[in-house]
Structures are given as C-alpha cells and as structure tokens.
Amino acid sequence: MSQLLQQLINGLSSGAVYALFALGFTLVFSVLDLLNLAHGAVYMWGAFIGWILVSRLGLPFLVALPGAMIGAGLLAVLLDRLAFKPLRALTPGSGLLWVGFLLALFALVIGWSLPVRLAVAGIGVAIMLAGLAMDERGIGPIREREVPHLAPMISSIGASIILVSLAQGRFGTQQTRFPPDTFPLTRFQLGTNISVSLLQLTILVCAIVLMVLLRLLIARTNIGRAIRAIAWSQRTA
C-alpha cells in the first residue's frame, strides 16, 4: 500500500509537468486550429536557457526560472513570426526578419573567429529587431493568402528540426543535467516508506497556480474574451 501511495505522489508530480505542457499545446490548437509540433522544442530550449543561467552564469535557481520562462516565451514569439505569420501574410517586416535570422544562424555555424561571429550575429539580430519593429508599426502586407490546412503543421516540423539541431550542435547529444545542488533536496515523511520532496510540492503548487491564472485570464479578461472569440470564429473575430 505504501508503495502505491508513493507512486501516486510521483505520478501527480510528473503529471503536473505534462499538464502544463498540454495546456499550451491545446490552447494554440483550439484557438488557431494549428498543430504546433515545435511546441516541445520550445520547452526544450527553455530548459537549456535555465541550465545556462545556472551552470554557466552561476545564477540561483529562483532567478534562472523566470529567465528561462521569458526566454522560451520570446522564442515562441520569434517562432510565430518566422514559421507561421509569413504563411498568413507576407510583409516587409517578415522578409527582414528572415534575412536577420539566416545571418545570425550563419554566424553560429561558420568557422570564423569568435569576435567576427559575434559581430555577424549582432548584425543579424539588429536586422531581426528592425523587421519586428516594421511589423509592430502596422506596415501593410505585400500579399495575403489562404494556406492549406497542413502547411502550418509542416512549417512547425521544420522549425522543430532546426531548434533540435541547434541544441544538438551547441550542447551535444549526451544527457545534460543541472548541478546537483540546483534544486532543494528536502523531503517530508508522510508515513512509513512514503515521502514527498520539496521539489515535487513546488511543481504541483506552481502547476495549480498557473492553471488557475490561465482560467482567470481566459474567463475574466479582455484578452481572454478575444481568445475565445477567435476560437469560436476567426473570420468573425
């Protein structure tokens, strides 16, 4: 019986992580009718951003956690602008964004010296920011079009391959772990052979809080009403 309860606790902790992943996946699918198969790759890069902040920069976990979340969010926005928005409407900003992205990607893989690579990557990032600024200023599209239903899914597959390949090239294919002292190791005994770690409690509480906040965002705010309107009918919204 104690083993069953222990596995139940472990399952709740792991399930909370999968639930958070599924929330983002299903929200995008239900609102935009888009099967984003690069969703997992964005989460993967969020984990690597957290690992860099902790292992390379020596930041505490509570500081690295929001940094990883912000980094993954910015990557998701960039993914939308590069992989999905050009399918809906081709704008001058999206063209600049792609030029800057390819230039920055070229700087990552070329065998030049580090200062030259950083300079080229900086130019690429500056061009990408200029493209984003043009889109934000509302410069009209060059061409709008209706895309086949499978086109965004195929585009997300390509984006996922790029993100995974970049991670493999930068970090290798071996398993990467956080330093041993990154996460709290405190455990609470709930009975004979039954315990729950502080990390498991943190995961469960964070998952519940984020789910409640998302529910309130969808049900009680103007942004949530807009999301529900788009999910009901994109053309009418």
Protein backbone atom coordinates (compact mmCIF):
# COMPACT_ATOMS: atom_id res chain seq x y z
CA MET A 1 0.00 0.00 0.00
CA SER A 2 2.82 2.42 0.87
CA GLN A 3 4.46 1.74 -2.49
CA LEU A 4 1.19 2.53 -4.27
CA LEU A 5 0.84 5.85 -2.42
CA GLN A 6 4.45 6.75 -3.16
CA GLN A 7 3.98 6.09 -6.87
CA LEU A 8 0.76 8.13 -6.76
CA ILE A 9 2.71 11.09 -5.38
CA ASN A 10 5.38 10.66 -8.06
CA GLY A 11 2.70 10.39 -10.73
CA LEU A 12 0.97 13.58 -9.60
CA SER A 13 4.25 15.48 -9.77
CA SER A 14 5.11 14.18 -13.24
CA GLY A 15 1.53 14.64 -14.45
CA ALA A 16 1.58 18.28 -13.38
CA VAL A 17 4.54 18.89 -15.70
CA TYR A 18 2.77 17.16 -18.60
CA ALA A 19 -0.41 19.11 -17.85
CA LEU A 20 1.41 22.44 -18.17
CA PHE A 21 2.90 21.29 -21.47
CA ALA A 22 -0.53 20.17 -22.70
CA LEU A 23 -2.15 23.49 -21.73
CA GLY A 24 -0.02 25.45 -24.17
CA PHE A 25 -0.34 22.82 -26.87
CA THR A 26 -4.12 22.59 -26.70
CA LEU A 27 -4.61 26.36 -26.31
CA VAL A 28 -2.80 27.02 -29.58
CA PHE A 29 -4.68 24.21 -31.33
CA SER A 30 -8.11 25.24 -30.06
CA VAL A 31 -7.68 28.95 -30.84
CA LEU A 32 -5.75 28.92 -34.11
CA ASP A 33 -6.56 25.39 -35.29
CA LEU A 34 -2.80 24.95 -35.57
CA LEU A 35 -0.98 21.75 -34.65
CA ASN A 36 2.31 23.24 -33.46
CA LEU A 37 4.74 20.31 -33.42
CA ALA A 38 7.58 22.64 -32.42
CA HIS A 39 5.96 23.19 -29.01
CA GLY A 40 8.18 20.59 -27.35
CA ALA A 41 11.33 22.07 -28.90
CA VAL A 42 10.47 25.47 -27.39
CA TYR A 43 10.14 23.83 -23.96
CA MET A 44 13.46 22.09 -24.53
CA TRP A 45 15.17 25.41 -25.22
CA GLY A 46 13.55 26.89 -22.11
CA ALA A 47 15.24 24.12 -20.10
CA PHE A 48 18.58 24.80 -21.79
CA ILE A 49 18.26 28.53 -21.11
CA GLY A 50 17.70 27.73 -17.44
CA TRP A 51 20.69 25.38 -17.49
CA ILE A 52 22.92 28.09 -19.00
CA LEU A 53 21.80 30.64 -16.40
CA VAL A 54 22.51 28.22 -13.55
CA SER A 55 25.58 26.30 -14.78
CA ARG A 56 27.40 28.92 -16.83
CA LEU A 57 26.36 32.20 -15.22
CA GLY A 58 26.02 30.88 -11.66
CA LEU A 59 22.58 32.39 -11.05
CA PRO A 60 20.36 30.92 -8.32
CA PHE A 61 17.51 28.71 -9.45
CA LEU A 62 14.77 31.15 -8.42
CA VAL A 63 16.36 33.79 -10.67
CA ALA A 64 17.03 31.38 -13.54
CA LEU A 65 13.45 30.06 -13.53
CA PRO A 66 11.72 33.29 -14.69
CA GLY A 67 14.65 33.90 -17.04
CA ALA A 68 14.04 30.53 -18.69
CA MET A 69 10.30 31.24 -18.91
CA ILE A 70 10.89 34.65 -20.53
CA GLY A 71 13.46 33.17 -22.92
CA ALA A 72 11.09 30.39 -24.01
CA GLY A 73 8.27 32.92 -24.45
CA LEU A 74 10.43 35.16 -26.66
CA LEU A 75 11.47 32.11 -28.67
CA ALA A 76 7.79 31.20 -29.16
CA VAL A 77 7.06 34.74 -30.44
CA LEU A 78 10.02 34.51 -32.81
CA LEU A 79 8.82 31.11 -33.98
CA ASP A 80 5.40 32.54 -34.81
CA ARG A 81 6.89 35.44 -36.75
CA LEU A 82 9.27 33.21 -38.72
CA ALA A 83 7.32 30.00 -39.28
CA PHE A 84 3.62 30.88 -39.16
CA LYS A 85 2.94 34.55 -39.86
CA PRO A 86 4.59 34.54 -43.34
CA LEU A 87 2.15 31.78 -44.29
CA ARG A 88 -0.80 34.05 -43.48
CA ALA A 89 0.57 37.32 -44.88
CA LEU A 90 3.93 38.24 -46.38
CA THR A 91 5.10 41.59 -45.01
CA PRO A 92 8.31 43.62 -45.46
CA GLY A 93 8.99 43.04 -41.77
CA SER A 94 8.81 39.27 -42.11
CA GLY A 95 11.25 39.43 -45.02
CA LEU A 96 13.73 41.42 -42.92
CA LEU A 97 13.17 39.04 -40.03
CA TRP A 98 14.13 36.07 -42.18
CA VAL A 99 17.23 37.83 -43.52
CA GLY A 100 18.39 38.62 -39.98
CA PHE A 101 17.63 35.10 -38.78
CA LEU A 102 19.61 33.47 -41.58
CA LEU A 103 22.51 35.83 -40.94
CA ALA A 104 22.51 35.04 -37.21
CA LEU A 105 22.23 31.31 -37.97
CA PHE A 106 25.15 31.59 -40.40
CA ALA A 107 27.22 33.21 -37.64
CA LEU A 108 26.54 30.25 -35.34
CA VAL A 109 27.73 27.56 -37.74
CA ILE A 110 30.59 29.28 -39.59
CA GLY A 111 34.15 28.56 -38.50
CA TRP A 112 35.32 32.15 -38.14
CA SER A 113 36.88 33.65 -35.02
CA LEU A 114 34.59 34.39 -32.08
CA PRO A 115 34.68 38.24 -32.39
CA VAL A 116 33.72 38.04 -36.08
CA ARG A 117 30.94 35.56 -35.37
CA LEU A 118 29.58 37.78 -32.59
CA ALA A 119 29.67 40.81 -34.88
CA VAL A 120 27.82 38.99 -37.66
CA ALA A 121 25.28 37.60 -35.19
CA GLY A 122 24.78 41.10 -33.76
CA ILE A 123 24.06 42.47 -37.22
CA GLY A 124 21.58 39.65 -37.78
CA VAL A 125 19.81 40.36 -34.50
CA ALA A 126 19.65 44.08 -35.34
CA ILE A 127 18.03 43.28 -38.70
CA MET A 128 15.54 40.97 -36.96
CA LEU A 129 14.62 43.73 -34.49
CA ALA A 130 14.10 46.11 -37.41
CA GLY A 131 11.76 43.58 -39.01
CA LEU A 132 9.80 43.19 -35.79
CA ALA A 133 9.53 46.97 -35.47
CA MET A 134 8.17 47.24 -39.01
CA ASP A 135 5.51 44.64 -38.25
CA GLU A 136 4.57 46.36 -34.99
CA ARG A 137 4.14 49.68 -36.80
CA GLY A 138 1.50 48.02 -38.95
CA ILE A 139 3.14 48.30 -42.36
CA GLY A 140 0.71 46.58 -44.72
CA PRO A 141 1.33 43.12 -46.11
CA ILE A 142 2.75 42.59 -49.58
CA ARG A 143 0.42 39.66 -50.10
CA GLU A 144 -2.27 37.91 -48.06
CA ARG A 145 -3.25 34.34 -48.77
CA GLU A 146 -5.22 31.36 -47.59
CA VAL A 147 -2.89 28.48 -46.79
CA PRO A 148 -3.64 24.76 -46.87
CA HIS A 149 -4.52 23.27 -43.51
CA LEU A 150 -1.37 21.15 -43.37
CA ALA A 151 1.04 23.98 -44.27
CA PRO A 152 1.46 25.35 -40.70
CA MET A 153 1.98 21.84 -39.34
CA ILE A 154 4.70 21.14 -41.92
CA SER A 155 6.27 24.52 -41.12
CA SER A 156 6.26 23.64 -37.39
CA ILE A 157 8.00 20.33 -38.19
CA GLY A 158 10.75 22.22 -40.00
CA ALA A 159 11.05 24.69 -37.10
CA SER A 160 11.29 21.81 -34.64
CA ILE A 161 14.08 20.18 -36.66
CA ILE A 162 16.02 23.47 -36.71
CA LEU A 163 15.63 24.02 -32.96
CA VAL A 164 16.63 20.45 -32.10
CA SER A 165 19.60 20.53 -34.48
CA LEU A 166 20.81 23.83 -32.99
CA ALA A 167 20.59 22.33 -29.49
CA GLN A 168 22.48 19.20 -30.55
CA GLY A 169 25.16 21.27 -32.24
CA ARG A 170 25.55 23.58 -29.24
CA PHE A 171 25.15 21.17 -26.31
CA GLY A 172 25.80 17.76 -27.87
CA THR A 173 23.62 14.67 -27.85
CA GLN A 174 24.57 13.46 -24.38
CA GLN A 175 22.26 13.89 -21.41
CA THR A 176 22.66 17.31 -19.77
CA ARG A 177 21.92 17.74 -16.08
CA PHE A 178 21.63 20.70 -13.75
CA PRO A 179 24.26 20.91 -11.00
CA PRO A 180 23.38 18.61 -8.06
CA ASP A 181 22.73 21.50 -5.66
CA THR A 182 20.37 23.39 -8.01
CA PHE A 183 17.11 22.01 -6.66
CA PRO A 184 16.10 21.70 -2.99
CA LEU A 185 16.70 18.19 -1.65
CA THR A 186 14.41 18.47 1.39
CA ARG A 187 11.95 15.58 1.76
CA PHE A 188 8.94 15.33 4.05
CA GLN A 189 7.96 11.98 5.51
CA LEU A 190 4.23 11.30 5.27
CA GLY A 191 4.37 7.82 6.71
CA THR A 192 6.33 4.59 6.52
CA ASN A 193 8.18 4.50 3.18
CA ILE A 194 6.12 7.46 1.93
CA SER A 195 7.75 10.83 1.32
CA VAL A 196 7.36 13.88 -0.87
CA SER A 197 10.19 16.19 -1.85
CA LEU A 198 10.08 19.97 -1.72
CA LEU A 199 10.67 19.99 -5.48
CA GLN A 200 7.59 17.83 -6.08
CA LEU A 201 5.49 20.11 -3.90
CA THR A 202 6.82 23.17 -5.75
CA ILE A 203 5.97 21.63 -9.13
CA LEU A 204 2.46 20.72 -8.03
CA VAL A 205 1.74 24.12 -6.47
CA CYS A 206 3.13 26.02 -9.46
CA ALA A 207 1.06 23.89 -11.85
CA ILE A 208 -2.15 24.51 -9.92
CA VAL A 209 -1.47 28.26 -9.63
CA LEU A 210 -0.67 28.59 -13.34
CA MET A 211 -3.80 26.64 -14.31
CA VAL A 212 -5.99 28.87 -12.13
CA LEU A 213 -4.36 32.03 -13.51
CA LEU A 214 -4.86 30.80 -17.07
CA ARG A 215 -8.50 30.06 -16.30
CA LEU A 216 -8.99 33.57 -14.93
CA LEU A 217 -7.17 35.05 -17.93
CA ILE A 218 -9.45 33.24 -20.38
CA ALA A 219 -12.69 33.85 -18.47
CA ARG A 220 -12.32 37.30 -16.90
CA THR A 221 -10.10 39.50 -19.10
CA ASN A 222 -10.45 41.24 -22.46
CA ILE A 223 -7.55 39.19 -23.80
CA GLY A 224 -9.39 36.03 -22.77
CA ARG A 225 -12.59 37.18 -24.47
CA ALA A 226 -10.62 37.87 -27.65
CA ILE A 227 -9.07 34.40 -27.48
CA ARG A 228 -12.49 32.79 -27.05
CA ALA A 229 -13.89 34.85 -29.92
CA ILE A 230 -11.09 33.73 -32.23
CA ALA A 231 -11.58 30.13 -31.14
CA TRP A 232 -15.31 30.42 -31.97
CA SER A 233 -14.86 32.03 -35.37
CA GLN A 234 -11.61 33.51 -36.68
CA ARG A 235 -13.34 35.25 -39.59
CA THR A 236 -15.98 36.90 -37.40
CA ALA A 237 -13.44 37.93 -34.74
